[in-house]
Amino acid sequence: MLNISVEKINGSIVGITPASIKRDWMDATSDRHAYRCFPVTQANMIGWNLFLEKDLKFIWNGINDTSSNNVTVTEGSEFCHTGRGQSTVSLNTGLIFRTDVNVSMLTINPVNYFNDDFETMSSLISTSFYDKDYPLAIKAKRSNEEVVIKSGTPIATIIPISLTSLDNTSIEMYDYVDLGNVRREKNASYGEASQQMNMKGEWTDWYRNAVDENNQPLGTHEVKALKLSVKDNRSK
């Protein structure tokens, strides 16, 4: 378990919540079958989502340079600025994160949320000592049309990672070895059995349960149901 805390400055309009498994586009799939994809649902729940507690609206004129005049904030100017230029709006988050020395905070675009209006820029912050508002910049993806980010919409996913553990890691490549075609035959058998199940309208759940088509164990997942929370210890 990691040690993470956040101070919320009075007046901040940025909220934080554990990432949710739900996505509108997944709800819209036939019989909501997208939720049967374990790798996707696991990714949906990684980290915490940041969201605005007020609407934000802005227009980018299509010019991409360092000037702050190319983006006009039509609603929400009290909690953001356009000083970065490059078709971005920077938020005054009012959130100060604190983590252990060997843990940094990675910001990415909200996981498996898709839109044509904006994208949140990725960043990596050493939150063990950074004693300022957590930086967050939103980049417009279309010009000369008002971008509307409604209150409650996830605008970023934050994930604590250890660069110390990652440093000097090497991915080692080897030739594929399959004596007697054992691996190919096993994978083909798995694929054929899976296809037959799918054609019947049934779900295998084999990867979810880490078993093969004969329900023989293949290994284990680190965590099958990730549990994250936000504990509000602020004085009321």
C-alpha atoms as a PDB file:
ATOM      1  CA  MET A   1       0.000   0.000   0.000  1.00  0.00           C
ATOM      2  CA  LEU A   2       1.334   3.444  -0.927  1.00  0.00           C
ATOM      3  CA  ASN A   3       1.259   6.517   1.297  1.00  0.00           C
ATOM      4  CA  ILE A   4      -0.507   9.334  -0.540  1.00  0.00           C
ATOM      5  CA  SER A   5      -2.052  12.492   0.852  1.00  0.00           C
ATOM      6  CA  VAL A   6      -3.484  15.616  -0.717  1.00  0.00           C
ATOM      7  CA  GLU A   7      -4.206  19.055   0.709  1.00  0.00           C
ATOM      8  CA  LYS A   8      -7.117  20.864  -0.898  1.00  0.00           C
ATOM      9  CA  ILE A   9      -6.761  24.634  -0.816  1.00  0.00           C
ATOM     10  CA  ASN A  10      -9.913  26.508   0.132  1.00  0.00           C
ATOM     11  CA  GLY A  11     -11.744  27.501  -3.038  1.00  0.00           C
ATOM     12  CA  SER A  12     -10.406  24.642  -5.171  1.00  0.00           C
ATOM     13  CA  ILE A  13     -12.985  23.389  -7.651  1.00  0.00           C
ATOM     14  CA  VAL A  14     -11.112  20.200  -8.582  1.00  0.00           C
ATOM     15  CA  GLY A  15     -12.418  16.990  -7.042  1.00  0.00           C
ATOM     16  CA  ILE A  16     -10.821  13.573  -6.818  1.00  0.00           C
ATOM     17  CA  THR A  17     -12.461  10.156  -6.909  1.00  0.00           C
ATOM     18  CA  PRO A  18     -11.345   6.556  -7.459  1.00  0.00           C
ATOM     19  CA  ALA A  19     -11.474   5.657 -11.139  1.00  0.00           C
ATOM     20  CA  SER A  20     -14.757   4.004 -12.095  1.00  0.00           C
ATOM     21  CA  ILE A  21     -15.265   0.858 -14.122  1.00  0.00           C
ATOM     22  CA  LYS A  22     -18.185   2.463 -15.977  1.00  0.00           C
ATOM     23  CA  ARG A  23     -17.972   4.118 -19.399  1.00  0.00           C
ATOM     24  CA  ASP A  24     -20.880   5.414 -21.488  1.00  0.00           C
ATOM     25  CA  TRP A  25     -19.552   3.790 -24.664  1.00  0.00           C
ATOM     26  CA  MET A  26     -19.280   0.442 -22.848  1.00  0.00           C
ATOM     27  CA  ASP A  27     -22.865   0.760 -21.623  1.00  0.00           C
ATOM     28  CA  ALA A  28     -23.896   1.239 -25.261  1.00  0.00           C
ATOM     29  CA  THR A  29     -22.336  -2.024 -26.499  1.00  0.00           C
ATOM     30  CA  SER A  30     -24.602  -5.004 -27.149  1.00  0.00           C
ATOM     31  CA  ASP A  31     -25.609  -6.521 -23.808  1.00  0.00           C
ATOM     32  CA  ARG A  32     -22.881  -4.256 -22.337  1.00  0.00           C
ATOM     33  CA  HIS A  33     -20.457  -6.949 -23.493  1.00  0.00           C
ATOM     34  CA  ALA A  34     -17.471  -4.564 -23.338  1.00  0.00           C
ATOM     35  CA  TYR A  35     -17.468  -5.064 -19.574  1.00  0.00           C
ATOM     36  CA  ARG A  36     -16.582  -8.714 -20.162  1.00  0.00           C
ATOM     37  CA  CYS A  37     -13.137  -7.619 -21.346  1.00  0.00           C
ATOM     38  CA  PHE A  38     -11.087  -7.989 -18.172  1.00  0.00           C
ATOM     39  CA  PRO A  39      -7.979  -6.095 -19.404  1.00  0.00           C
ATOM     40  CA  VAL A  40     -10.156  -3.075 -20.270  1.00  0.00           C
ATOM     41  CA  THR A  41     -12.133  -3.052 -17.027  1.00  0.00           C
ATOM     42  CA  GLN A  42      -8.914  -3.413 -15.028  1.00  0.00           C
ATOM     43  CA  ALA A  43      -7.442  -0.424 -16.857  1.00  0.00           C
ATOM     44  CA  ASN A  44     -10.635   1.566 -16.252  1.00  0.00           C
ATOM     45  CA  MET A  45     -10.137   1.281 -12.499  1.00  0.00           C
ATOM     46  CA  ILE A  46      -6.442   2.155 -12.294  1.00  0.00           C
ATOM     47  CA  GLY A  47      -5.688   5.327 -10.354  1.00  0.00           C
ATOM     48  CA  TRP A  48      -7.917   8.244  -9.399  1.00  0.00           C
ATOM     49  CA  ASN A  49      -9.841  10.635 -11.611  1.00  0.00           C
ATOM     50  CA  LEU A  50      -9.747  14.396 -11.257  1.00  0.00           C
ATOM     51  CA  PHE A  51     -12.885  16.299 -12.204  1.00  0.00           C
ATOM     52  CA  LEU A  52     -14.154  19.873 -12.144  1.00  0.00           C
ATOM     53  CA  GLU A  53     -16.891  20.883  -9.740  1.00  0.00           C
ATOM     54  CA  LYS A  54     -17.896  23.710 -12.098  1.00  0.00           C
ATOM     55  CA  ASP A  55     -18.336  23.886 -15.872  1.00  0.00           C
ATOM     56  CA  LEU A  56     -15.414  24.996 -18.030  1.00  0.00           C
ATOM     57  CA  LYS A  57     -15.936  26.455 -21.510  1.00  0.00           C
ATOM     58  CA  PHE A  58     -13.330  27.800 -23.912  1.00  0.00           C
ATOM     59  CA  ILE A  59     -12.661  28.459 -27.604  1.00  0.00           C
ATOM     60  CA  TRP A  60      -9.348  28.041 -29.432  1.00  0.00           C
ATOM     61  CA  ASN A  61      -8.924  30.094 -32.611  1.00  0.00           C
ATOM     62  CA  GLY A  62      -6.723  27.515 -34.371  1.00  0.00           C
ATOM     63  CA  ILE A  63      -3.408  29.347 -33.955  1.00  0.00           C
ATOM     64  CA  ASN A  64      -0.838  27.226 -32.153  1.00  0.00           C
ATOM     65  CA  ASP A  65       1.921  29.367 -30.641  1.00  0.00           C
ATOM     66  CA  THR A  66       3.076  30.660 -27.255  1.00  0.00           C
ATOM     67  CA  SER A  67       0.570  33.520 -27.131  1.00  0.00           C
ATOM     68  CA  SER A  68      -2.092  33.378 -24.444  1.00  0.00           C
ATOM     69  CA  ASN A  69      -4.547  35.249 -26.682  1.00  0.00           C
ATOM     70  CA  ASN A  70      -5.478  32.319 -28.903  1.00  0.00           C
ATOM     71  CA  VAL A  71      -7.719  30.668 -26.318  1.00  0.00           C
ATOM     72  CA  THR A  72     -10.720  32.503 -24.893  1.00  0.00           C
ATOM     73  CA  VAL A  73     -12.253  31.139 -21.707  1.00  0.00           C
ATOM     74  CA  THR A  74     -15.989  31.816 -21.858  1.00  0.00           C
ATOM     75  CA  GLU A  75     -16.815  30.214 -18.509  1.00  0.00           C
ATOM     76  CA  GLY A  76     -14.513  29.286 -15.631  1.00  0.00           C
ATOM     77  CA  SER A  77     -11.822  31.960 -16.032  1.00  0.00           C
ATOM     78  CA  GLU A  78     -11.620  32.296 -12.236  1.00  0.00           C
ATOM     79  CA  PHE A  79      -9.964  28.889 -11.907  1.00  0.00           C
ATOM     80  CA  CYS A  80      -7.819  28.650 -15.041  1.00  0.00           C
ATOM     81  CA  HIS A  81      -5.514  30.632 -17.307  1.00  0.00           C
ATOM     82  CA  THR A  82      -4.189  30.467 -20.888  1.00  0.00           C
ATOM     83  CA  GLY A  83      -0.620  31.545 -20.170  1.00  0.00           C
ATOM     84  CA  ARG A  84       0.974  28.377 -21.547  1.00  0.00           C
ATOM     85  CA  GLY A  85      -0.274  29.055 -25.065  1.00  0.00           C
ATOM     86  CA  GLN A  86      -0.187  26.148 -27.536  1.00  0.00           C
ATOM     87  CA  SER A  87      -3.989  25.792 -27.576  1.00  0.00           C
ATOM     88  CA  THR A  88      -4.079  24.901 -23.868  1.00  0.00           C
ATOM     89  CA  VAL A  89      -5.969  25.907 -20.768  1.00  0.00           C
ATOM     90  CA  SER A  90      -4.112  25.467 -17.469  1.00  0.00           C
ATOM     91  CA  LEU A  91      -6.125  24.777 -14.333  1.00  0.00           C
ATOM     92  CA  ASN A  92      -5.504  26.151 -10.874  1.00  0.00           C
ATOM     93  CA  THR A  93      -6.206  22.815  -9.219  1.00  0.00           C
ATOM     94  CA  GLY A  94      -5.738  23.866  -5.598  1.00  0.00           C
ATOM     95  CA  LEU A  95      -4.524  20.327  -4.885  1.00  0.00           C
ATOM     96  CA  ILE A  96      -1.134  19.642  -3.291  1.00  0.00           C
ATOM     97  CA  PHE A  97      -0.168  15.972  -3.354  1.00  0.00           C
ATOM     98  CA  ARG A  98       2.410  14.368  -1.119  1.00  0.00           C
ATOM     99  CA  THR A  99       3.935  10.921  -1.600  1.00  0.00           C
ATOM    100  CA  ASP A 100       6.964   8.998  -0.381  1.00  0.00           C
ATOM    101  CA  VAL A 101      10.353   9.887  -1.851  1.00  0.00           C
ATOM    102  CA  ASN A 102      10.352   6.914  -4.204  1.00  0.00           C
ATOM    103  CA  VAL A 103       6.858   7.571  -5.560  1.00  0.00           C
ATOM    104  CA  SER A 104       5.932  10.081  -8.276  1.00  0.00           C
ATOM    105  CA  MET A 105       2.531  10.975  -9.703  1.00  0.00           C
ATOM    106  CA  LEU A 106       1.819  10.281 -13.358  1.00  0.00           C
ATOM    107  CA  THR A 107      -0.978  12.259 -15.016  1.00  0.00           C
ATOM    108  CA  ILE A 108      -2.569  10.849 -18.162  1.00  0.00           C
ATOM    109  CA  ASN A 109      -5.679  11.487 -20.188  1.00  0.00           C
ATOM    110  CA  PRO A 110      -8.667   9.809 -18.493  1.00  0.00           C
ATOM    111  CA  VAL A 111      -8.404   6.086 -19.225  1.00  0.00           C
ATOM    112  CA  ASN A 112     -10.763   4.820 -21.945  1.00  0.00           C
ATOM    113  CA  TYR A 113     -12.749   8.048 -22.143  1.00  0.00           C
ATOM    114  CA  PHE A 114     -12.850   9.250 -25.740  1.00  0.00           C
ATOM    115  CA  ASN A 115     -13.856  12.637 -27.113  1.00  0.00           C
ATOM    116  CA  ASP A 116     -13.071  14.912 -30.039  1.00  0.00           C
ATOM    117  CA  ASP A 117     -12.980  18.119 -28.005  1.00  0.00           C
ATOM    118  CA  PHE A 118     -10.011  18.075 -25.643  1.00  0.00           C
ATOM    119  CA  GLU A 119      -7.135  16.016 -24.322  1.00  0.00           C
ATOM    120  CA  THR A 120      -5.320  16.376 -21.005  1.00  0.00           C
ATOM    121  CA  MET A 121      -1.552  16.594 -21.312  1.00  0.00           C
ATOM    122  CA  SER A 122       0.468  13.888 -19.571  1.00  0.00           C
ATOM    123  CA  SER A 123       2.983  14.865 -16.917  1.00  0.00           C
ATOM    124  CA  LEU A 124       5.096  13.342 -14.169  1.00  0.00           C
ATOM    125  CA  ILE A 125       5.558  15.175 -10.857  1.00  0.00           C
ATOM    126  CA  SER A 126       7.918  14.407  -7.956  1.00  0.00           C
ATOM    127  CA  THR A 127       5.231  14.782  -5.328  1.00  0.00           C
ATOM    128  CA  SER A 128       7.537  14.059  -2.393  1.00  0.00           C
ATOM    129  CA  PHE A 129       8.667  17.702  -2.391  1.00  0.00           C
ATOM    130  CA  TYR A 130       6.500  19.656  -4.876  1.00  0.00           C
ATOM    131  CA  ASP A 131       4.612  22.080  -2.628  1.00  0.00           C
ATOM    132  CA  LYS A 132       2.507  23.853  -5.245  1.00  0.00           C
ATOM    133  CA  ASP A 133      -0.796  23.362  -7.023  1.00  0.00           C
ATOM    134  CA  TYR A 134      -0.735  20.125  -8.966  1.00  0.00           C
ATOM    135  CA  PRO A 135      -0.286  21.210 -12.603  1.00  0.00           C
ATOM    136  CA  LEU A 136      -2.944  20.282 -15.119  1.00  0.00           C
ATOM    137  CA  ALA A 137      -3.178  21.468 -18.722  1.00  0.00           C
ATOM    138  CA  ILE A 138      -6.008  20.744 -21.148  1.00  0.00           C
ATOM    139  CA  LYS A 139      -5.331  20.955 -24.882  1.00  0.00           C
ATOM    140  CA  ALA A 140      -8.084  21.800 -27.365  1.00  0.00           C
ATOM    141  CA  LYS A 141      -8.495  19.310 -30.205  1.00  0.00           C
ATOM    142  CA  ARG A 142     -10.776  21.396 -32.386  1.00  0.00           C
ATOM    143  CA  SER A 143     -10.724  25.064 -33.303  1.00  0.00           C
ATOM    144  CA  ASN A 144     -13.299  27.835 -33.558  1.00  0.00           C
ATOM    145  CA  GLU A 145     -15.908  25.828 -31.663  1.00  0.00           C
ATOM    146  CA  GLU A 146     -16.684  26.113 -27.978  1.00  0.00           C
ATOM    147  CA  VAL A 147     -15.297  23.232 -25.932  1.00  0.00           C
ATOM    148  CA  VAL A 148     -17.609  22.456 -23.008  1.00  0.00           C
ATOM    149  CA  ILE A 149     -16.379  20.375 -20.070  1.00  0.00           C
ATOM    150  CA  LYS A 150     -19.339  19.778 -17.800  1.00  0.00           C
ATOM    151  CA  SER A 151     -18.998  19.562 -14.037  1.00  0.00           C
ATOM    152  CA  GLY A 152     -18.205  16.006 -12.957  1.00  0.00           C
ATOM    153  CA  THR A 153     -16.524  15.008 -16.220  1.00  0.00           C
ATOM    154  CA  PRO A 154     -13.207  13.216 -15.614  1.00  0.00           C
ATOM    155  CA  ILE A 155     -10.416  15.433 -16.925  1.00  0.00           C
ATOM    156  CA  ALA A 156      -7.363  13.449 -15.817  1.00  0.00           C
ATOM    157  CA  THR A 157      -6.303  10.132 -14.353  1.00  0.00           C
ATOM    158  CA  ILE A 158      -3.485  10.193 -11.802  1.00  0.00           C
ATOM    159  CA  ILE A 159      -1.435   7.085 -11.071  1.00  0.00           C
ATOM    160  CA  PRO A 160       1.344   6.813  -8.456  1.00  0.00           C
ATOM    161  CA  ILE A 161       4.426   5.060  -9.833  1.00  0.00           C
ATOM    162  CA  SER A 162       7.924   4.313  -8.603  1.00  0.00           C
ATOM    163  CA  LEU A 163      10.622   5.574 -10.942  1.00  0.00           C
ATOM    164  CA  THR A 164      13.172   4.079  -8.569  1.00  0.00           C
ATOM    165  CA  SER A 165      11.780   0.607  -9.260  1.00  0.00           C
ATOM    166  CA  LEU A 166      11.559   1.333 -12.986  1.00  0.00           C
ATOM    167  CA  ASP A 167      15.028   2.859 -13.351  1.00  0.00           C
ATOM    168  CA  ASN A 168      17.594   0.711 -15.211  1.00  0.00           C
ATOM    169  CA  THR A 169      14.931  -1.805 -16.165  1.00  0.00           C
ATOM    170  CA  SER A 170      15.628  -3.479 -19.479  1.00  0.00           C
ATOM    171  CA  ILE A 171      13.257  -5.357 -21.754  1.00  0.00           C
ATOM    172  CA  GLU A 172      15.202  -8.348 -23.033  1.00  0.00           C
ATOM    173  CA  MET A 173      14.330  -9.821 -26.429  1.00  0.00           C
ATOM    174  CA  TYR A 174      14.805 -13.478 -27.414  1.00  0.00           C
ATOM    175  CA  ASP A 175      14.039 -15.683 -30.371  1.00  0.00           C
ATOM    176  CA  TYR A 176      10.681 -17.420 -30.230  1.00  0.00           C
ATOM    177  CA  VAL A 177      11.276 -21.059 -29.294  1.00  0.00           C
ATOM    178  CA  ASP A 178       8.549 -23.657 -29.864  1.00  0.00           C
ATOM    179  CA  LEU A 179       9.978 -27.149 -30.012  1.00  0.00           C
ATOM    180  CA  GLY A 180       7.537 -29.551 -31.621  1.00  0.00           C
ATOM    181  CA  ASN A 181       5.017 -26.719 -32.178  1.00  0.00           C
ATOM    182  CA  VAL A 182       3.719 -27.294 -28.652  1.00  0.00           C
ATOM    183  CA  ARG A 183       3.066 -23.612 -27.951  1.00  0.00           C
ATOM    184  CA  ARG A 184       1.421 -22.969 -31.318  1.00  0.00           C
ATOM    185  CA  GLU A 185      -0.845 -25.984 -30.962  1.00  0.00           C
ATOM    186  CA  LYS A 186      -1.814 -25.006 -27.440  1.00  0.00           C
ATOM    187  CA  ASN A 187      -2.615 -21.441 -28.502  1.00  0.00           C
ATOM    188  CA  ALA A 188      -4.593 -22.707 -31.493  1.00  0.00           C
ATOM    189  CA  SER A 189      -6.590 -25.043 -29.249  1.00  0.00           C
ATOM    190  CA  TYR A 190      -7.315 -22.168 -26.870  1.00  0.00           C
ATOM    191  CA  GLY A 191      -8.398 -19.917 -29.747  1.00  0.00           C
ATOM    192  CA  GLU A 192     -10.684 -22.511 -31.316  1.00  0.00           C
ATOM    193  CA  ALA A 193     -12.355 -23.314 -28.000  1.00  0.00           C
ATOM    194  CA  SER A 194     -12.819 -19.620 -27.280  1.00  0.00           C
ATOM    195  CA  GLN A 195     -14.353 -19.001 -30.714  1.00  0.00           C
ATOM    196  CA  GLN A 196     -16.799 -21.857 -30.240  1.00  0.00           C
ATOM    197  CA  MET A 197     -17.890 -20.406 -26.899  1.00  0.00           C
ATOM    198  CA  ASN A 198     -18.314 -16.948 -28.411  1.00  0.00           C
ATOM    199  CA  MET A 199     -20.390 -18.298 -31.302  1.00  0.00           C
ATOM    200  CA  LYS A 200     -22.764 -19.748 -28.719  1.00  0.00           C
ATOM    201  CA  GLY A 201     -23.056 -16.336 -27.104  1.00  0.00           C
ATOM    202  CA  GLU A 202     -21.190 -17.529 -24.028  1.00  0.00           C
ATOM    203  CA  TRP A 203     -18.226 -16.013 -22.209  1.00  0.00           C
ATOM    204  CA  THR A 204     -15.095 -17.931 -21.360  1.00  0.00           C
ATOM    205  CA  ASP A 205     -13.687 -15.810 -18.501  1.00  0.00           C
ATOM    206  CA  TRP A 206     -10.515 -17.836 -18.935  1.00  0.00           C
ATOM    207  CA  TYR A 207      -8.133 -14.899 -18.837  1.00  0.00           C
ATOM    208  CA  ARG A 208     -10.111 -13.360 -15.971  1.00  0.00           C
ATOM    209  CA  ASN A 209      -9.689 -16.596 -14.008  1.00  0.00           C
ATOM    210  CA  ALA A 210      -6.134 -17.252 -15.255  1.00  0.00           C
ATOM    211  CA  VAL A 211      -7.002 -20.712 -16.604  1.00  0.00           C
ATOM    212  CA  ASP A 212      -6.808 -22.461 -19.979  1.00  0.00           C
ATOM    213  CA  GLU A 213      -9.717 -23.901 -21.956  1.00  0.00           C
ATOM    214  CA  ASN A 214      -9.644 -26.966 -19.711  1.00  0.00           C
ATOM    215  CA  ASN A 215      -9.828 -24.796 -16.565  1.00  0.00           C
ATOM    216  CA  GLN A 216      -6.246 -25.649 -15.675  1.00  0.00           C
ATOM    217  CA  PRO A 217      -4.442 -22.854 -13.763  1.00  0.00           C
ATOM    218  CA  LEU A 218      -2.010 -20.763 -15.779  1.00  0.00           C
ATOM    219  CA  GLY A 219      -0.953 -18.306 -13.098  1.00  0.00           C
ATOM    220  CA  THR A 220      -2.401 -15.518 -10.981  1.00  0.00           C
ATOM    221  CA  HIS A 221      -3.335 -11.880 -11.382  1.00  0.00           C
ATOM    222  CA  GLU A 222      -1.675  -9.377  -9.043  1.00  0.00           C
ATOM    223  CA  VAL A 223      -5.111  -8.097  -8.019  1.00  0.00           C
ATOM    224  CA  LYS A 224      -8.423  -9.042  -9.607  1.00  0.00           C
ATOM    225  CA  ALA A 225     -10.517  -6.318  -7.993  1.00  0.00           C
ATOM    226  CA  LEU A 226      -8.551  -3.141  -7.369  1.00  0.00           C
ATOM    227  CA  LYS A 227      -9.874  -1.184  -4.396  1.00  0.00           C
ATOM    228  CA  LEU A 228      -9.020   2.519  -4.129  1.00  0.00           C
ATOM    229  CA  SER A 229     -10.615   5.216  -2.026  1.00  0.00           C
ATOM    230  CA  VAL A 230     -10.526   8.846  -0.974  1.00  0.00           C
ATOM    231  CA  LYS A 231     -10.737   9.558   2.762  1.00  0.00           C
ATOM    232  CA  ASP A 232     -11.799  13.105   3.565  1.00  0.00           C
ATOM    233  CA  ASN A 233     -10.028  14.170   6.772  1.00  0.00           C
ATOM    234  CA  ARG A 234     -10.693  17.879   6.329  1.00  0.00           C
ATOM    235  CA  SER A 235     -12.326  19.862   9.104  1.00  0.00           C
ATOM    236  CA  LYS A 236     -15.971  20.507   8.267  1.00  0.00           C
END
